[in-house]
Amino acid sequence: MAALTMDRPEVSILIPAFQAGRTIGGCLESIARQVERRFECIIVDDGSSDGTSAIAGRFAESDVRFRL
């Protein structure tokens, strides 16, 4: 996905995650496909050891709307 620029989000999405490595990618992909493009998605990883943070970090690196 190409990096997007964003002035002010219309919607804020908060995703608390713990040991969500098997599901977090699909969750974030679904959010990225939404019709409303002016959103911010904040992922809060509670110390997962299963790769949750790495997966979420890749979204944050490639799309400014996602923050870890």
Protein backbone atom coordinates (compact mmCIF):
# COMPACT_ATOMS: atom_id res chain seq x y z
CA MET A 1 0.00 0.00 0.00
CA ALA A 2 1.30 3.44 -0.86
CA ALA A 3 1.95 5.76 2.05
CA LEU A 4 -0.82 8.27 2.58
CA THR A 5 -0.69 11.73 4.03
CA MET A 6 -3.32 12.86 6.45
CA ASP A 7 -4.23 16.24 7.88
CA ARG A 8 -6.95 15.48 10.39
CA PRO A 9 -8.70 12.14 10.85
CA GLU A 10 -12.49 11.97 10.91
CA VAL A 11 -12.50 8.67 12.82
CA SER A 12 -10.18 7.27 15.50
CA ILE A 13 -9.94 3.52 15.91
CA LEU A 14 -8.26 2.04 18.99
CA ILE A 15 -7.14 -1.59 18.78
CA PRO A 16 -5.98 -3.17 22.06
CA ALA A 17 -3.98 -6.30 21.27
CA PHE A 18 -2.35 -9.11 23.22
CA GLN A 19 -1.04 -12.28 21.58
CA ALA A 20 -3.02 -11.41 18.43
CA GLY A 21 -0.39 -12.47 15.91
CA ARG A 22 -2.77 -14.86 14.16
CA THR A 23 -5.54 -12.28 13.70
CA ILE A 24 -4.09 -8.76 13.82
CA GLY A 25 -3.03 -8.72 10.16
CA GLY A 26 -6.52 -9.53 8.92
CA CYS A 27 -8.00 -7.01 11.31
CA LEU A 28 -5.74 -4.20 10.11
CA GLU A 29 -6.21 -5.13 6.44
CA SER A 30 -9.96 -4.89 6.93
CA ILE A 31 -9.63 -1.46 8.52
CA ALA A 32 -7.37 -0.27 5.67
CA ARG A 33 -10.03 -1.27 3.10
CA GLN A 34 -12.79 0.87 4.63
CA VAL A 35 -14.58 3.38 2.44
CA GLU A 36 -13.82 6.24 4.84
CA ARG A 37 -10.16 7.01 4.22
CA ARG A 38 -9.75 9.78 6.83
CA PHE A 39 -9.09 7.70 9.91
CA GLU A 40 -6.34 6.99 12.37
CA CYS A 41 -5.84 3.53 13.79
CA ILE A 42 -3.91 3.28 17.04
CA ILE A 43 -2.74 -0.22 17.94
CA VAL A 44 -1.81 -0.77 21.58
CA ASP A 45 0.17 -3.99 22.06
CA ASP A 46 0.20 -5.14 25.68
CA GLY A 47 3.56 -6.92 25.58
CA SER A 48 2.77 -9.72 23.15
CA SER A 49 5.48 -12.27 22.43
CA ASP A 50 3.93 -13.77 19.29
CA GLY A 51 4.80 -11.18 16.63
CA THR A 52 1.76 -8.94 17.14
CA SER A 53 3.96 -5.86 17.44
CA ALA A 54 6.00 -6.70 14.33
CA ILE A 55 2.88 -7.18 12.21
CA ALA A 56 1.31 -3.95 13.47
CA GLY A 57 4.62 -2.17 13.00
CA ARG A 58 4.67 -3.07 9.31
CA PHE A 59 1.28 -1.42 8.87
CA ALA A 60 2.49 1.67 10.72
CA GLU A 61 5.60 1.90 8.53
CA SER A 62 3.67 1.71 5.28
CA ASP A 63 0.56 3.76 6.10
CA VAL A 64 0.54 6.96 8.18
CA ARG A 65 -3.00 6.25 9.35
CA PHE A 66 -1.73 3.37 11.51
CA ARG A 67 0.27 3.97 14.70
CA LEU A 68 1.73 1.44 17.08
